Every structure is written in structure tokens, then in C-alpha cells.
């Protein structure tokens, strides 16, 4: 009798050898397929590194786990297994295979959404940048939900009664999670109406900052101080949002006051200087300059300047250049700026009495 026919736990040694050879072959097949996958990825232009890494990860654990499970299932076919144990093993393998399939599909979804996100970066609109993360989360949650139900069904649970129970329990959960649901609906309203997008600077209530992300529950805003404020989407959807990023220009309105002693010709010269400075500055989209009123202590010239630069720092730089040029030109022309003054005139004081 050959040693390969020696029985151990009801099976001969050659069966154990065949089992390990099948597992070894599966490992070699996975290694070869992984190398082939790496070569194919290196020869294709896939854009950014995130897409490449997602595809590379797809050829590692998901593919390796699937090959190993199939090899393990085929290897166990070599053994003589009691019927009761075989039924348990079959159910276990079906559950594991279902889990791996869902896991693989979730990784495929990551790849598809990564490709979509890369394509969205090349478009002008930012709606895709907001929708993609939400759809990716919803899709993966749906896949895993279906996977859990399939695993439970294969393990012998009554999925129909479970779904019925979930329907009744879902109503209670929905009532208890009204705020969460309203935040989710608020997120959908923000994505559809688009009062603001990722990257826009917005103002509403006491919040002023740049939108960083629109999530399922809240919108994250980076304030001008550098802190992050999370605003529930239901509040964002109902708020009066001032989208600073959408303005084509920045309106700057101020008053230039000159002294009451300024002659008529100098007032006209002041108007001419202001109009020349604003008309010649590269930041000017439009401007108004008018002698508006006789103020309490000055002759007031109204200046309204629409600046092309919507970035606030560039707007401040342009305003500084204009103000410095106004001061220089007024000094050269001998035009004086007014400031609050009071003149006290005392009349009819009685003569001092002699003693």
C-alpha cells in the first residue's frame, strides 16, 4: 500500500496533497494576474494617481480573495465530507462569496466614481464635485445593504419577515430621525438649486467663509478666521445666502470731503482729478464721481467705484493704489481734505466792571 493512500481523518494523503497544490496554484495564478494587471495599468494613461491607485487596489485584495475562495471550494471537493458538514460548508462559502462579490462591486464603484471625479475636474461646473461624494456613499451603502440581505437569506433567515419588520421599524426610525432626514433633503435641495457650490465664499446669518464640502448631514464652511463651521443642511436650504463669489465686481462707495474754503475752480479740479484717476486705473469696471452735498464741515464729493477684482486682497490693493494717488494729486493741486471742525464766535460780552 502506497503512503499516498494512507488515510487520515477519513481522507487519503494524496487528497491533502491535491488540496495544497490547488491552493498553491491559486496563489501563482493571482500573482500572475496581479503582475499582468500592473503592466496593463502602467501602459494606459489614467489621469491622476488616485484613479490609478484605486484600480491597482482592485487587483489586489478583491481579486486575490475571490481566487482563494474558489480554490478553497474546489480543493474541498477533493475530500470526502459528511453530508451535514458539507451543507454547513456550502452555506458558509455562499455567504463568503456573496460578501466578496459585494466587496468587489464596491471597489468597482470606487473606480467608476474616481474616473467620474477626474472628469468632473475638467468641467466648469462644480455640481459634479458636490454630487459625486454623496452618490458614492449612497451607492456603496445600497450595495452593502443588498449584500447583508443575501448573506442572511443564504444562512437560512427569513428575509421577507425581516423586511416587513424593517418596514414597521423604519417608520419609527424615520420619526426619530426627522432631523437627519431633513438634513439629507436639505442636501438634495442645495445640490439642485445650487445657491452655492464648493469653493464659493458665502455669507448668511453670522457665518462668512468658503464652502469646503456639502455632505449628507451638513455643509462645512471655512471661515475667514480659518476655523471650520458645520451648518446643518436644513438650515442652509432655508437660509438667505449671499453668494459673494457670484458678484462680477466689488462696489466701493465713499465720500471725499474738501474744505469749505476751496474755490469753485479747485472744486472742479478735484472732480477732474478723481475722474481721471478712476478712469485710468486697470481695476475700474465703472465709476461715478459727483459733487453731492454741502456737509456740516465739508464739501462732499460722492465716489462710487466698481472694481473688477473680486478677490478681496486684490480689491484692497487696488483701493490702496487709488487712495494714495488721490492724496498725491490733491497735495500737488493744493486741495485740502476736510475734517470735523467747529468755529465759536462770541459777541456782545459785557465790559468788565471796575471796582
Protein backbone atom coordinates (compact mmCIF):
# COMPACT_ATOMS: atom_id res chain seq x y z
CA UNK A 1 0.00 0.00 0.00
CA UNK A 2 1.44 3.36 -1.07
CA UNK A 3 1.91 6.05 1.53
CA UNK A 4 -0.31 8.35 -0.53
CA UNK A 5 -3.23 6.06 0.21
CA UNK A 6 -2.70 6.31 3.94
CA UNK A 7 -5.91 7.61 5.49
CA UNK A 8 -6.06 10.48 7.94
CA UNK A 9 -9.41 11.75 9.27
CA UNK A 10 -11.23 9.71 6.66
CA UNK A 11 -9.25 11.02 3.65
CA UNK A 12 -6.10 9.75 1.95
CA UNK A 13 -2.82 11.71 1.93
CA UNK A 14 -2.94 12.36 -1.81
CA UNK A 15 -6.18 14.29 -1.27
CA UNK A 16 -4.42 16.60 1.20
CA UNK A 17 -1.57 16.99 -1.28
CA UNK A 18 -4.00 17.84 -4.08
CA UNK A 19 -5.72 20.35 -1.80
CA UNK A 20 -2.47 22.20 -1.05
CA UNK A 21 -1.42 22.07 -4.71
CA UNK A 22 -4.73 23.71 -5.67
CA UNK A 23 -4.12 26.49 -3.11
CA UNK A 24 -0.54 26.91 -4.35
CA UNK A 25 -1.78 27.10 -7.94
CA UNK A 26 -4.34 29.74 -6.91
CA UNK A 27 -1.56 31.81 -5.33
CA UNK A 28 0.54 31.57 -8.50
CA UNK A 29 -2.47 32.49 -10.67
CA UNK A 30 -3.19 35.51 -8.50
CA UNK A 31 0.44 36.60 -8.66
CA UNK A 32 0.48 36.29 -12.45
CA UNK A 33 -2.83 38.13 -12.86
CA UNK A 34 -1.66 40.86 -10.49
CA UNK A 35 1.57 41.35 -12.46
CA UNK A 36 -0.43 41.43 -15.71
CA UNK A 37 -2.82 43.97 -14.16
CA UNK A 38 0.11 46.18 -13.11
CA UNK A 39 1.57 46.05 -16.63
CA UNK A 40 -1.76 46.99 -18.20
CA UNK A 41 -2.17 49.89 -15.79
CA UNK A 42 1.34 51.18 -16.47
CA UNK A 43 0.67 51.28 -20.23
CA UNK A 44 -2.56 53.24 -20.01
CA UNK A 45 -2.99 56.94 -19.31
CA UNK A 46 -5.45 57.11 -16.43
CA UNK A 47 -5.07 60.71 -15.33
CA UNK A 48 -4.43 61.40 -11.69
CA UNK A 49 -2.74 58.99 -9.28
CA UNK A 50 -5.92 58.45 -7.24
CA UNK A 51 -7.61 56.63 -10.15
CA UNK A 52 -4.50 54.51 -10.73
CA UNK A 53 -4.27 53.56 -7.05
CA UNK A 54 -7.96 52.63 -6.94
CA UNK A 55 -7.56 50.37 -9.97
CA UNK A 56 -4.37 48.90 -8.54
CA UNK A 57 -6.17 48.09 -5.26
CA UNK A 58 -8.89 46.32 -7.26
CA UNK A 59 -6.32 43.80 -8.49
CA UNK A 60 -5.02 43.06 -5.01
CA UNK A 61 -7.35 42.03 -2.19
CA UNK A 62 -10.67 41.64 -4.08
CA UNK A 63 -9.15 39.54 -6.86
CA UNK A 64 -6.90 37.57 -4.51
CA UNK A 65 -9.72 36.83 -2.08
CA UNK A 66 -12.03 35.64 -4.87
CA UNK A 67 -9.36 33.34 -6.35
CA UNK A 68 -8.53 31.94 -2.91
CA UNK A 69 -12.18 31.23 -2.08
CA UNK A 70 -12.75 29.50 -5.43
CA UNK A 71 -9.59 27.46 -4.97
CA UNK A 72 -10.61 26.56 -1.43
CA UNK A 73 -14.05 25.48 -2.66
CA UNK A 74 -12.51 23.38 -5.44
CA UNK A 75 -9.94 21.93 -3.07
CA UNK A 76 -12.58 20.81 -0.59
CA UNK A 77 -14.28 18.90 -3.38
CA UNK A 78 -11.33 16.53 -3.28
CA UNK A 79 -12.16 15.44 0.27
CA UNK A 80 -14.90 13.14 1.41
CA UNK A 81 -17.02 15.29 3.68
CA UNK A 82 -20.05 14.17 5.69
CA UNK A 83 -23.38 15.46 4.39
CA UNK A 84 -24.14 17.59 7.45
CA UNK A 85 -20.73 19.25 7.42
CA UNK A 86 -20.98 19.70 3.63
CA UNK A 87 -24.24 21.65 3.98
CA UNK A 88 -22.68 23.94 6.57
CA UNK A 89 -19.61 24.46 4.41
CA UNK A 90 -21.74 25.21 1.33
CA UNK A 91 -23.77 27.81 3.21
CA UNK A 92 -20.61 29.36 4.61
CA UNK A 93 -18.98 29.52 1.18
CA UNK A 94 -22.06 31.07 -0.40
CA UNK A 95 -22.08 33.73 2.32
CA UNK A 96 -18.35 34.42 1.89
CA UNK A 97 -18.68 34.52 -1.90
CA UNK A 98 -21.60 36.94 -1.65
CA UNK A 99 -19.57 39.14 0.68
CA UNK A 100 -16.61 39.10 -1.71
CA UNK A 101 -18.79 39.90 -4.71
CA UNK A 102 -20.28 42.90 -2.89
CA UNK A 103 -16.81 43.93 -1.77
CA UNK A 104 -15.56 43.71 -5.36
CA UNK A 105 -18.56 45.68 -6.65
CA UNK A 106 -17.93 48.40 -4.06
CA UNK A 107 -14.33 48.64 -5.28
CA UNK A 108 -15.56 48.82 -8.88
CA UNK A 109 -17.88 51.62 -7.75
CA UNK A 110 -14.86 53.41 -6.25
CA UNK A 111 -13.09 53.13 -9.60
CA UNK A 112 -16.09 54.45 -11.55
CA UNK A 113 -16.64 57.36 -9.18
CA UNK A 114 -12.91 58.17 -9.20
CA UNK A 115 -13.00 58.32 -13.00
CA UNK A 116 -16.13 60.46 -12.84
CA UNK A 117 -14.50 62.78 -10.31
CA UNK A 118 -11.44 63.17 -12.53
CA UNK A 119 -13.67 64.02 -15.49
CA UNK A 120 -15.67 66.47 -13.37
CA UNK A 121 -12.50 68.42 -12.57
CA UNK A 122 -12.15 69.24 -16.26
CA UNK A 123 -15.62 70.82 -16.42
CA UNK A 124 -16.50 74.37 -15.43
CA UNK A 125 -19.47 73.47 -13.24
CA UNK A 126 -18.92 72.37 -9.66
CA UNK A 127 -22.14 70.43 -9.27
CA UNK A 128 -20.40 67.14 -10.07
CA UNK A 129 -17.81 67.85 -7.38
CA UNK A 130 -20.62 68.00 -4.83
CA UNK A 131 -22.81 65.18 -6.15
CA UNK A 132 -20.10 62.54 -6.65
CA UNK A 133 -19.15 62.02 -2.97
CA UNK A 134 -22.81 61.77 -1.94
CA UNK A 135 -23.72 59.32 -4.74
CA UNK A 136 -20.65 57.22 -3.96
CA UNK A 137 -21.69 56.88 -0.31
CA UNK A 138 -25.31 56.10 -1.20
CA UNK A 139 -24.29 53.53 -3.85
CA UNK A 140 -21.91 51.70 -1.52
CA UNK A 141 -24.44 51.72 1.30
CA UNK A 142 -27.04 50.22 -1.06
CA UNK A 143 -24.62 47.51 -2.25
CA UNK A 144 -23.71 46.51 1.29
CA UNK A 145 -27.36 46.52 2.31
CA UNK A 146 -28.22 44.13 -0.53
CA UNK A 147 -25.19 42.02 0.36
CA UNK A 148 -26.26 41.66 4.00
CA UNK A 149 -29.76 40.59 2.94
CA UNK A 150 -28.34 37.98 0.53
CA UNK A 151 -26.00 36.59 3.18
CA UNK A 152 -28.84 36.33 5.69
CA UNK A 153 -31.03 34.59 3.12
CA UNK A 154 -28.30 32.05 2.33
CA UNK A 155 -27.81 31.40 6.04
CA UNK A 156 -31.46 30.41 6.33
CA UNK A 157 -33.05 33.56 7.72
CA UNK A 158 -36.49 34.63 6.51
CA UNK A 159 -35.64 37.84 4.67
CA UNK A 160 -39.28 38.61 3.85
CA UNK A 161 -40.29 38.78 7.50
CA UNK A 162 -37.12 40.74 8.21
CA UNK A 163 -38.03 43.29 5.53
CA UNK A 164 -41.56 43.52 6.89
CA UNK A 165 -40.17 44.14 10.35
CA UNK A 166 -37.79 46.72 8.94
CA UNK A 167 -40.74 48.44 7.28
CA UNK A 168 -42.51 48.84 10.61
CA UNK A 169 -39.32 49.68 12.44
CA UNK A 170 -38.29 52.01 9.63
CA UNK A 171 -41.34 54.17 10.33
CA UNK A 172 -40.30 54.51 13.96
CA UNK A 173 -36.72 55.24 12.95
CA UNK A 174 -37.92 57.82 10.43
CA UNK A 175 -39.95 59.57 13.11
CA UNK A 176 -36.99 59.52 15.46
CA UNK A 177 -34.60 60.70 12.75
CA UNK A 178 -36.66 63.53 11.29
CA UNK A 179 -33.83 65.98 11.71
CA UNK A 180 -31.36 63.69 9.93
CA UNK A 181 -33.82 63.14 7.07
CA UNK A 182 -34.47 66.87 6.81
CA UNK A 183 -30.71 67.45 6.59
CA UNK A 184 -30.50 64.88 3.79
CA UNK A 185 -33.37 66.54 1.92
CA UNK A 186 -31.67 69.88 2.52
CA UNK A 187 -28.52 68.48 0.87
CA UNK A 188 -30.54 67.47 -2.18
CA UNK A 189 -32.13 70.94 -2.29
CA UNK A 190 -28.70 72.57 -2.19
CA UNK A 191 -27.43 70.34 -5.00
CA UNK A 192 -30.47 71.00 -7.19
CA UNK A 193 -30.97 74.73 -6.57
CA UNK A 194 -27.22 75.43 -6.31
CA UNK A 195 -27.32 78.66 -4.26
CA UNK A 196 -23.65 77.96 -3.58
CA UNK A 197 -21.00 75.48 -4.66
CA UNK A 198 -17.75 74.11 -3.30
CA UNK A 199 -15.19 76.91 -3.36
CA UNK A 200 -17.72 79.78 -3.17
CA UNK A 201 -17.46 82.41 -0.48
CA UNK A 202 -20.86 82.86 1.18
CA UNK A 203 -22.41 84.99 3.89
CA UNK A 204 -25.53 84.14 5.88
CA UNK A 205 -26.56 84.95 9.41
CA UNK A 206 -23.27 85.17 11.36
CA UNK A 207 -21.25 82.88 9.04
CA UNK A 208 -18.79 84.22 6.47
CA UNK A 209 -16.43 81.85 4.69
CA UNK A 210 -15.70 79.45 1.85
CA UNK A 211 -17.74 76.29 1.21
CA UNK A 212 -15.45 73.27 1.53
CA UNK A 213 -17.90 70.36 1.23
CA UNK A 214 -21.62 69.58 1.05
CA UNK A 215 -22.27 66.33 2.92
CA UNK A 216 -25.33 64.24 3.63
CA UNK A 217 -25.90 65.92 7.01
CA UNK A 218 -24.11 69.24 6.98
CA UNK A 219 -22.19 71.75 4.90
CA UNK A 220 -18.64 72.58 6.00
CA UNK A 221 -17.59 76.22 5.69
CA UNK A 222 -14.06 77.51 6.26
CA UNK A 223 -14.43 80.92 7.90
CA UNK A 224 -12.13 83.88 7.28
CA UNK A 225 -10.53 83.17 10.69
CA UNK A 226 -9.53 79.69 9.46
CA UNK A 227 -11.97 77.70 11.57
CA UNK A 228 -14.46 75.19 10.12
CA UNK A 229 -18.18 75.64 10.77
CA UNK A 230 -20.56 72.71 10.13
CA UNK A 231 -24.02 74.02 9.25
CA UNK A 232 -26.95 71.56 9.08
CA UNK A 233 -28.22 71.32 5.52
CA UNK A 234 -31.81 72.05 6.55
CA UNK A 235 -30.66 75.45 7.84
CA UNK A 236 -28.63 76.09 4.69
CA UNK A 237 -31.59 75.21 2.47
CA UNK A 238 -33.84 77.70 4.31
CA UNK A 239 -31.27 80.46 4.83
CA UNK A 240 -30.90 83.67 2.86
CA UNK A 241 -27.46 83.05 1.35
CA UNK A 242 -25.38 85.91 0.00
CA UNK A 243 -23.03 84.29 -2.52
CA UNK A 244 -20.04 86.63 -2.62
CA UNK A 245 -18.29 84.52 -5.27
CA UNK A 246 -21.01 85.24 -7.84
CA UNK A 247 -20.58 89.02 -7.87
CA UNK A 248 -18.94 90.30 -11.08
CA UNK A 249 -17.45 93.34 -9.32
CA UNK A 250 -16.96 94.82 -5.85
CA UNK A 251 -18.75 98.11 -5.26
CA UNK A 252 -16.80 100.60 -3.18
CA UNK A 253 -18.68 103.78 -2.14
CA UNK A 254 -17.16 106.59 -0.10
CA UNK A 255 -17.16 110.36 0.31
CA UNK A 256 -14.22 112.69 -0.32
CA UNK A 257 -14.66 115.86 1.75
CA UNK A 258 -12.78 119.08 0.91
CA UNK A 259 -12.75 122.28 2.96
CA UNK A 260 -15.37 124.99 2.64
CA UNK A 261 -12.67 127.46 1.74
CA UNK A 262 -11.90 125.63 -1.52
CA UNK A 263 -12.54 127.92 -4.52
CA UNK A 264 -15.00 126.99 -7.27
CA UNK A 265 -12.20 126.24 -9.76
CA UNK A 266 -10.45 123.95 -7.25
CA UNK A 267 -13.69 122.01 -6.67
CA UNK A 268 -13.92 121.42 -10.42
CA UNK A 269 -10.27 120.40 -10.48
CA UNK A 270 -10.90 117.93 -7.62
CA UNK A 271 -13.73 116.35 -9.62
CA UNK A 272 -11.50 116.15 -12.70
CA UNK A 273 -8.64 114.54 -10.72
CA UNK A 274 -10.90 111.90 -9.18
CA UNK A 275 -12.43 111.01 -12.56
CA UNK A 276 -9.01 110.78 -14.22
CA UNK A 277 -7.62 108.51 -11.50
CA UNK A 278 -10.57 106.13 -11.57
CA UNK A 279 -10.84 106.08 -15.37
CA UNK A 280 -7.14 105.27 -15.74
CA UNK A 281 -6.86 102.54 -13.12
CA UNK A 282 -6.87 98.95 -14.51
CA UNK A 283 -9.21 97.71 -11.78
CA UNK A 284 -12.07 100.01 -12.81
CA UNK A 285 -15.16 98.46 -14.35
CA UNK A 286 -17.28 101.57 -13.83
CA UNK A 287 -17.29 104.68 -11.63
CA UNK A 288 -19.37 107.68 -10.56
CA UNK A 289 -17.92 110.94 -9.23
CA UNK A 290 -20.28 113.82 -8.31
CA UNK A 291 -20.28 116.87 -6.05
CA UNK A 292 -23.13 115.64 -3.90
CA UNK A 293 -23.78 117.95 -0.97
CA UNK A 294 -22.73 120.70 1.39
CA UNK A 295 -21.89 118.77 4.54
CA UNK A 296 -21.70 120.08 8.12
CA UNK A 297 -17.99 120.78 7.81
CA UNK A 298 -17.03 119.89 4.21
CA UNK A 299 -17.94 119.95 0.56
CA UNK A 300 -18.78 116.31 -0.08
CA UNK A 301 -17.88 114.53 -3.33
CA UNK A 302 -19.56 111.14 -3.72
CA UNK A 303 -17.29 108.46 -5.24
CA UNK A 304 -18.62 105.04 -6.32
CA UNK A 305 -16.07 102.64 -7.80
CA UNK A 306 -16.89 99.21 -9.23
CA UNK A 307 -13.71 97.11 -9.02
CA UNK A 308 -13.08 94.22 -11.44
CA UNK A 309 -11.03 92.30 -8.89
CA UNK A 310 -13.39 90.11 -6.87
CA UNK A 311 -10.57 88.55 -4.82
CA UNK A 312 -10.72 90.64 -1.67
CA UNK A 313 -6.96 91.07 -1.26
CA UNK A 314 -6.57 92.31 -4.84
CA UNK A 315 -9.52 94.66 -4.26
CA UNK A 316 -7.78 96.12 -1.21
CA UNK A 317 -4.53 96.54 -3.15
CA UNK A 318 -6.35 98.38 -5.95
CA UNK A 319 -8.17 100.60 -3.42
CA UNK A 320 -4.89 101.44 -1.72
CA UNK A 321 -3.31 102.47 -5.04
CA UNK A 322 -6.30 104.69 -5.87
CA UNK A 323 -6.33 106.34 -2.43
CA UNK A 324 -2.60 107.07 -2.49
CA UNK A 325 -2.89 108.58 -5.96
CA UNK A 326 -5.82 110.78 -4.84
CA UNK A 327 -3.79 112.06 -1.89
CA UNK A 328 -0.74 112.77 -4.08
CA UNK A 329 -2.72 114.62 -6.75
CA UNK A 330 -4.69 116.65 -4.22
CA UNK A 331 -1.48 117.72 -2.46
CA UNK A 332 0.06 118.78 -5.78
CA UNK A 333 -3.09 120.77 -6.65
CA UNK A 334 -3.27 122.40 -3.23
CA UNK A 335 -6.68 120.91 -2.41
CA UNK A 336 -7.20 120.31 1.29
CA UNK A 337 -9.18 117.45 2.80
CA UNK A 338 -11.75 118.47 5.37
CA UNK A 339 -12.03 117.17 8.90
CA UNK A 340 -14.55 117.92 11.66
CA UNK A 341 -14.05 121.48 12.92
CA UNK A 342 -16.05 123.99 14.96
CA UNK A 343 -15.88 127.73 14.86
CA UNK A 344 -17.06 129.58 18.00
CA UNK A 345 -17.98 133.24 17.58
CA UNK A 346 -18.59 135.19 20.77
CA UNK A 347 -20.46 138.53 20.51
CA UNK A 348 -21.63 141.14 22.98
CA UNK A 349 -19.59 140.26 26.01
CA UNK A 350 -20.23 142.88 28.77
CA UNK A 351 -17.33 145.14 29.66
CA UNK A 352 -15.60 144.20 32.83
CA UNK A 353 -16.84 146.22 35.82
CA UNK A 354 -14.42 148.48 37.63
CA UNK A 355 -14.28 148.28 41.34
